[in-house]
Amino acid sequence: MAYTESKMIPLGTKAPDFILPDPGTGQLLQLSKLPAAKATVLMFLCNHCPYVLYINPEIVRISKEYGPKGVQFVGINSNDPISHPEDAPELMGPHAKTVGYDFPYLFDATQEVAKAYDAACTPDFYVFDANLQLFYRGQLDESRPKRNPVPSTGSDLRAALEAVLSGAPPLEVQRPSGGCNIKWKNEE
């Protein structure tokens, strides 16, 4: 488990479109076909990463709080299930139910979506405005198991969501997320 920080792609980047399956529901989801939203939060997550597991309760709280305000949430698992069978697609639906995800949790089997977003770690957060232009990328908050085991508040993501919903400019300070590296295929 190598600690990796997210890459800070440029603000204003248009969200690359994708079509991915939600193993929990058996449905395909296409980003560009989602209903209009005031903001969209894409999160690169997985079932096993201790960094994701540590903040899952806060992710769920934020999605329940901001969903009714017009924010849609989408989780994506891009990990290689061959090297990490605990992230296999057949385990994603039960995992999502257990931790309380009320948003689609999609499987990126080819890892092309993670590459298109230049995702590097789990968790990795991206907030897009109503036009799917990148507004925020980085951490949920400063909490990290073992590295900074303070309670997760979601302060950075909450600040970004408040800003995008109020029409304010993007936050000047955006800090990278940190966690487990994405488990790329054929990685030694």
C-alpha atoms as a PDB file:
ATOM      1  CA  MET A   1       0.000   0.000   0.000  1.00  0.00           C
ATOM      2  CA  ALA A   2       1.997   2.961  -1.287  1.00  0.00           C
ATOM      3  CA  TYR A   3       0.833   6.381  -0.073  1.00  0.00           C
ATOM      4  CA  THR A   4       0.117   8.495  -3.138  1.00  0.00           C
ATOM      5  CA  GLU A   5      -1.189  12.031  -3.558  1.00  0.00           C
ATOM      6  CA  SER A   6      -3.651  13.079  -6.218  1.00  0.00           C
ATOM      7  CA  LYS A   7      -2.567  14.973  -9.294  1.00  0.00           C
ATOM      8  CA  MET A   8      -3.940  18.456  -9.528  1.00  0.00           C
ATOM      9  CA  ILE A   9      -5.328  18.708 -13.065  1.00  0.00           C
ATOM     10  CA  PRO A  10      -6.186  22.257 -14.198  1.00  0.00           C
ATOM     11  CA  LEU A  11      -9.370  23.888 -12.978  1.00  0.00           C
ATOM     12  CA  GLY A  12     -11.827  24.464 -15.808  1.00  0.00           C
ATOM     13  CA  THR A  13     -11.018  21.091 -17.408  1.00  0.00           C
ATOM     14  CA  LYS A  14     -14.131  19.634 -19.055  1.00  0.00           C
ATOM     15  CA  ALA A  15     -15.149  16.323 -17.457  1.00  0.00           C
ATOM     16  CA  PRO A  16     -14.262  13.487 -19.830  1.00  0.00           C
ATOM     17  CA  ASP A  17     -17.420  11.560 -20.676  1.00  0.00           C
ATOM     18  CA  PHE A  18     -17.671   7.877 -19.842  1.00  0.00           C
ATOM     19  CA  ILE A  19     -20.058   4.946 -19.774  1.00  0.00           C
ATOM     20  CA  LEU A  20     -19.500   2.537 -16.881  1.00  0.00           C
ATOM     21  CA  PRO A  21     -21.491  -0.234 -15.231  1.00  0.00           C
ATOM     22  CA  ASP A  22     -22.841  -0.092 -11.698  1.00  0.00           C
ATOM     23  CA  PRO A  23     -22.325  -3.701 -10.551  1.00  0.00           C
ATOM     24  CA  GLY A  24     -24.779  -3.194  -7.684  1.00  0.00           C
ATOM     25  CA  THR A  25     -27.689  -2.396 -10.002  1.00  0.00           C
ATOM     26  CA  GLY A  26     -26.526  -3.926 -13.268  1.00  0.00           C
ATOM     27  CA  GLN A  27     -27.147  -0.625 -15.069  1.00  0.00           C
ATOM     28  CA  LEU A  28     -24.828   1.425 -17.254  1.00  0.00           C
ATOM     29  CA  LEU A  29     -24.302   5.078 -16.413  1.00  0.00           C
ATOM     30  CA  GLN A  30     -23.109   7.717 -18.867  1.00  0.00           C
ATOM     31  CA  LEU A  31     -21.842  10.937 -17.319  1.00  0.00           C
ATOM     32  CA  SER A  32     -23.186  13.193 -20.088  1.00  0.00           C
ATOM     33  CA  LYS A  33     -26.652  11.597 -19.800  1.00  0.00           C
ATOM     34  CA  LEU A  34     -27.057  12.220 -16.074  1.00  0.00           C
ATOM     35  CA  PRO A  35     -29.864  14.602 -15.150  1.00  0.00           C
ATOM     36  CA  ALA A  36     -28.800  18.246 -14.917  1.00  0.00           C
ATOM     37  CA  ALA A  37     -27.246  19.081 -11.560  1.00  0.00           C
ATOM     38  CA  LYS A  38     -25.844  22.179  -9.888  1.00  0.00           C
ATOM     39  CA  ALA A  39     -22.632  20.222  -9.295  1.00  0.00           C
ATOM     40  CA  THR A  40     -21.268  16.715  -9.789  1.00  0.00           C
ATOM     41  CA  VAL A  41     -18.812  15.061  -7.438  1.00  0.00           C
ATOM     42  CA  LEU A  42     -16.746  12.229  -8.922  1.00  0.00           C
ATOM     43  CA  MET A  43     -14.883  10.138  -6.383  1.00  0.00           C
ATOM     44  CA  PHE A  44     -12.317   7.460  -7.105  1.00  0.00           C
ATOM     45  CA  LEU A  45     -12.935   4.925  -4.340  1.00  0.00           C
ATOM     46  CA  CYS A  46     -12.475   1.221  -3.692  1.00  0.00           C
ATOM     47  CA  ASN A  47     -13.626  -1.428  -1.241  1.00  0.00           C
ATOM     48  CA  HIS A  48     -10.398  -2.125   0.625  1.00  0.00           C
ATOM     49  CA  CYS A  49      -8.302   1.053   0.945  1.00  0.00           C
ATOM     50  CA  PRO A  50      -7.926   2.069   4.613  1.00  0.00           C
ATOM     51  CA  TYR A  51      -7.954   5.751   3.594  1.00  0.00           C
ATOM     52  CA  VAL A  52     -11.350   5.323   1.921  1.00  0.00           C
ATOM     53  CA  LEU A  53     -12.699   3.162   4.736  1.00  0.00           C
ATOM     54  CA  TYR A  54     -11.661   5.842   7.257  1.00  0.00           C
ATOM     55  CA  ILE A  55     -13.680   8.584   5.533  1.00  0.00           C
ATOM     56  CA  ASN A  56     -16.613   6.552   4.180  1.00  0.00           C
ATOM     57  CA  PRO A  57     -18.962   7.747   6.965  1.00  0.00           C
ATOM     58  CA  GLU A  58     -18.234  11.376   6.054  1.00  0.00           C
ATOM     59  CA  ILE A  59     -18.658  10.710   2.323  1.00  0.00           C
ATOM     60  CA  VAL A  60     -22.095   9.269   3.092  1.00  0.00           C
ATOM     61  CA  ARG A  61     -23.031  12.248   5.321  1.00  0.00           C
ATOM     62  CA  ILE A  62     -21.987  14.730   2.632  1.00  0.00           C
ATOM     63  CA  SER A  63     -23.875  12.920  -0.138  1.00  0.00           C
ATOM     64  CA  LYS A  64     -27.025  12.847   1.996  1.00  0.00           C
ATOM     65  CA  GLU A  65     -26.636  16.525   2.911  1.00  0.00           C
ATOM     66  CA  TYR A  66     -25.810  17.898  -0.540  1.00  0.00           C
ATOM     67  CA  GLY A  67     -27.838  15.548  -2.743  1.00  0.00           C
ATOM     68  CA  PRO A  68     -31.074  17.416  -1.909  1.00  0.00           C
ATOM     69  CA  LYS A  69     -29.296  20.693  -2.766  1.00  0.00           C
ATOM     70  CA  GLY A  70     -28.780  19.596  -6.379  1.00  0.00           C
ATOM     71  CA  VAL A  71     -25.392  17.896  -6.151  1.00  0.00           C
ATOM     72  CA  GLN A  72     -24.983  14.457  -7.687  1.00  0.00           C
ATOM     73  CA  PHE A  73     -22.351  12.009  -6.485  1.00  0.00           C
ATOM     74  CA  VAL A  74     -20.687   9.193  -8.417  1.00  0.00           C
ATOM     75  CA  GLY A  75     -18.137   6.736  -7.056  1.00  0.00           C
ATOM     76  CA  ILE A  76     -15.719   4.934  -9.380  1.00  0.00           C
ATOM     77  CA  ASN A  77     -13.571   1.901  -8.586  1.00  0.00           C
ATOM     78  CA  SER A  78     -10.681   1.574 -11.041  1.00  0.00           C
ATOM     79  CA  ASN A  79      -8.567  -0.949  -9.144  1.00  0.00           C
ATOM     80  CA  ASP A  80      -7.392  -4.133 -10.823  1.00  0.00           C
ATOM     81  CA  PRO A  81      -9.481  -6.964  -9.311  1.00  0.00           C
ATOM     82  CA  ILE A  82      -6.881  -9.541 -10.342  1.00  0.00           C
ATOM     83  CA  SER A  83      -4.231  -8.125  -8.027  1.00  0.00           C
ATOM     84  CA  HIS A  84      -6.820  -6.925  -5.470  1.00  0.00           C
ATOM     85  CA  PRO A  85      -9.777  -9.355  -5.478  1.00  0.00           C
ATOM     86  CA  GLU A  86     -11.435  -7.485  -2.596  1.00  0.00           C
ATOM     87  CA  ASP A  87     -12.192  -4.749  -5.182  1.00  0.00           C
ATOM     88  CA  ALA A  88     -13.870  -7.141  -7.639  1.00  0.00           C
ATOM     89  CA  PRO A  89     -17.057  -5.816  -9.225  1.00  0.00           C
ATOM     90  CA  GLU A  90     -19.238  -8.542  -7.686  1.00  0.00           C
ATOM     91  CA  LEU A  91     -18.256  -7.237  -4.233  1.00  0.00           C
ATOM     92  CA  MET A  92     -18.981  -3.590  -4.994  1.00  0.00           C
ATOM     93  CA  GLY A  93     -22.782  -3.685  -4.633  1.00  0.00           C
ATOM     94  CA  PRO A  94     -22.678  -5.400  -1.233  1.00  0.00           C
ATOM     95  CA  HIS A  95     -19.899  -3.056  -0.100  1.00  0.00           C
ATOM     96  CA  ALA A  96     -21.839   0.039  -1.200  1.00  0.00           C
ATOM     97  CA  LYS A  97     -24.891  -1.173   0.684  1.00  0.00           C
ATOM     98  CA  THR A  98     -22.882  -1.972   3.827  1.00  0.00           C
ATOM     99  CA  VAL A  99     -21.198   1.444   3.991  1.00  0.00           C
ATOM    100  CA  GLY A 100     -24.367   3.327   3.002  1.00  0.00           C
ATOM    101  CA  TYR A 101     -23.554   4.741  -0.429  1.00  0.00           C
ATOM    102  CA  ASP A 102     -26.701   6.328  -1.856  1.00  0.00           C
ATOM    103  CA  PHE A 103     -25.019   7.102  -5.169  1.00  0.00           C
ATOM    104  CA  PRO A 104     -23.874   5.015  -8.147  1.00  0.00           C
ATOM    105  CA  TYR A 105     -20.662   3.076  -7.506  1.00  0.00           C
ATOM    106  CA  LEU A 106     -19.214   2.258 -10.917  1.00  0.00           C
ATOM    107  CA  PHE A 107     -16.550  -0.162 -12.090  1.00  0.00           C
ATOM    108  CA  ASP A 108     -13.817   1.032 -14.473  1.00  0.00           C
ATOM    109  CA  ALA A 109     -12.632  -2.356 -15.783  1.00  0.00           C
ATOM    110  CA  THR A 110     -10.311  -0.946 -18.450  1.00  0.00           C
ATOM    111  CA  GLN A 111      -8.972   1.814 -16.150  1.00  0.00           C
ATOM    112  CA  GLU A 112      -9.463   4.235 -19.051  1.00  0.00           C
ATOM    113  CA  VAL A 113     -11.669   6.527 -16.955  1.00  0.00           C
ATOM    114  CA  ALA A 114      -9.049   6.809 -14.210  1.00  0.00           C
ATOM    115  CA  LYS A 115      -6.465   7.627 -16.875  1.00  0.00           C
ATOM    116  CA  ALA A 116      -8.749  10.216 -18.511  1.00  0.00           C
ATOM    117  CA  TYR A 117      -9.120  11.984 -15.149  1.00  0.00           C
ATOM    118  CA  ASP A 118      -5.443  11.510 -14.256  1.00  0.00           C
ATOM    119  CA  ALA A 119      -6.625   9.889 -11.025  1.00  0.00           C
ATOM    120  CA  ALA A 120      -3.786   8.660  -8.852  1.00  0.00           C
ATOM    121  CA  CYS A 121      -5.162   7.472  -5.542  1.00  0.00           C
ATOM    122  CA  THR A 122      -8.128   6.346  -3.517  1.00  0.00           C
ATOM    123  CA  PRO A 123      -9.781   8.488  -2.419  1.00  0.00           C
ATOM    124  CA  ASP A 124      -9.534  11.144  -5.129  1.00  0.00           C
ATOM    125  CA  PHE A 125     -12.234  13.864  -5.409  1.00  0.00           C
ATOM    126  CA  TYR A 126     -13.332  16.022  -8.350  1.00  0.00           C
ATOM    127  CA  VAL A 127     -16.119  18.623  -8.215  1.00  0.00           C
ATOM    128  CA  PHE A 128     -17.579  19.819 -11.498  1.00  0.00           C
ATOM    129  CA  ASP A 129     -19.951  22.750 -11.913  1.00  0.00           C
ATOM    130  CA  ALA A 130     -23.305  22.632 -13.728  1.00  0.00           C
ATOM    131  CA  ASN A 131     -21.444  22.732 -17.077  1.00  0.00           C
ATOM    132  CA  LEU A 132     -19.148  19.850 -16.052  1.00  0.00           C
ATOM    133  CA  GLN A 133     -16.155  22.185 -15.803  1.00  0.00           C
ATOM    134  CA  LEU A 134     -13.681  21.262 -13.058  1.00  0.00           C
ATOM    135  CA  PHE A 135     -14.214  23.465 -10.005  1.00  0.00           C
ATOM    136  CA  TYR A 136     -12.319  21.552  -7.326  1.00  0.00           C
ATOM    137  CA  ARG A 137      -9.899  18.630  -7.144  1.00  0.00           C
ATOM    138  CA  GLY A 138      -8.222  17.322  -4.061  1.00  0.00           C
ATOM    139  CA  GLN A 139      -8.864  16.091  -0.562  1.00  0.00           C
ATOM    140  CA  LEU A 140     -12.028  15.550   1.419  1.00  0.00           C
ATOM    141  CA  ASP A 141     -10.262  17.017   4.450  1.00  0.00           C
ATOM    142  CA  GLU A 142      -6.956  16.720   6.291  1.00  0.00           C
ATOM    143  CA  SER A 143      -7.790  13.436   8.045  1.00  0.00           C
ATOM    144  CA  ARG A 144      -5.693  10.352   7.196  1.00  0.00           C
ATOM    145  CA  PRO A 145      -5.592   7.117   9.177  1.00  0.00           C
ATOM    146  CA  LYS A 146      -2.228   6.776  10.941  1.00  0.00           C
ATOM    147  CA  ARG A 147      -0.832   9.917   9.233  1.00  0.00           C
ATOM    148  CA  ASN A 148      -3.353  12.374  10.748  1.00  0.00           C
ATOM    149  CA  PRO A 149      -6.044  10.361  12.547  1.00  0.00           C
ATOM    150  CA  VAL A 150      -8.330  13.287  13.357  1.00  0.00           C
ATOM    151  CA  PRO A 151     -12.076  12.888  12.840  1.00  0.00           C
ATOM    152  CA  SER A 152     -13.149  13.377   9.238  1.00  0.00           C
ATOM    153  CA  THR A 153     -15.228  16.526   8.734  1.00  0.00           C
ATOM    154  CA  GLY A 154     -15.199  16.817   4.945  1.00  0.00           C
ATOM    155  CA  SER A 155     -14.173  20.463   5.407  1.00  0.00           C
ATOM    156  CA  ASP A 156     -12.381  20.903   2.062  1.00  0.00           C
ATOM    157  CA  LEU A 157     -15.060  19.194  -0.033  1.00  0.00           C
ATOM    158  CA  ARG A 158     -17.840  20.994   1.883  1.00  0.00           C
ATOM    159  CA  ALA A 159     -16.151  24.372   1.260  1.00  0.00           C
ATOM    160  CA  ALA A 160     -15.887  23.580  -2.454  1.00  0.00           C
ATOM    161  CA  LEU A 161     -19.542  22.533  -2.626  1.00  0.00           C
ATOM    162  CA  GLU A 162     -20.692  25.659  -0.793  1.00  0.00           C
ATOM    163  CA  ALA A 163     -18.649  27.803  -3.195  1.00  0.00           C
ATOM    164  CA  VAL A 164     -19.926  26.146  -6.375  1.00  0.00           C
ATOM    165  CA  LEU A 165     -23.537  26.231  -5.161  1.00  0.00           C
ATOM    166  CA  SER A 166     -23.338  29.926  -4.253  1.00  0.00           C
ATOM    167  CA  GLY A 167     -21.716  30.937  -7.548  1.00  0.00           C
ATOM    168  CA  ALA A 168     -18.435  31.914  -5.869  1.00  0.00           C
ATOM    169  CA  PRO A 169     -15.120  31.380  -7.654  1.00  0.00           C
ATOM    170  CA  PRO A 170     -13.124  28.205  -7.038  1.00  0.00           C
ATOM    171  CA  LEU A 171     -11.260  28.021  -3.746  1.00  0.00           C
ATOM    172  CA  GLU A 172      -7.787  29.530  -3.968  1.00  0.00           C
ATOM    173  CA  VAL A 173      -6.246  26.795  -1.823  1.00  0.00           C
ATOM    174  CA  GLN A 174      -6.893  23.261  -3.012  1.00  0.00           C
ATOM    175  CA  ARG A 175      -4.853  20.497  -1.413  1.00  0.00           C
ATOM    176  CA  PRO A 176      -4.220  17.099  -2.994  1.00  0.00           C
ATOM    177  CA  SER A 177      -5.947  14.060  -1.653  1.00  0.00           C
ATOM    178  CA  GLY A 178      -3.830  11.214  -0.387  1.00  0.00           C
ATOM    179  CA  GLY A 179      -4.278   7.515   0.014  1.00  0.00           C
ATOM    180  CA  CYS A 180      -3.540   4.206  -1.629  1.00  0.00           C
ATOM    181  CA  ASN A 181      -2.317   4.313  -5.195  1.00  0.00           C
ATOM    182  CA  ILE A 182      -4.755   3.084  -7.807  1.00  0.00           C
ATOM    183  CA  LYS A 183      -3.955  -0.578  -8.427  1.00  0.00           C
ATOM    184  CA  TRP A 184      -3.036  -0.483 -12.095  1.00  0.00           C
ATOM    185  CA  LYS A 185      -3.118  -3.613 -14.213  1.00  0.00           C
ATOM    186  CA  ASN A 186       0.225  -5.343 -14.740  1.00  0.00           C
ATOM    187  CA  GLU A 187       1.786  -3.255 -11.996  1.00  0.00           C
ATOM    188  CA  GLU A 188       4.600  -4.946 -10.183  1.00  0.00           C
END
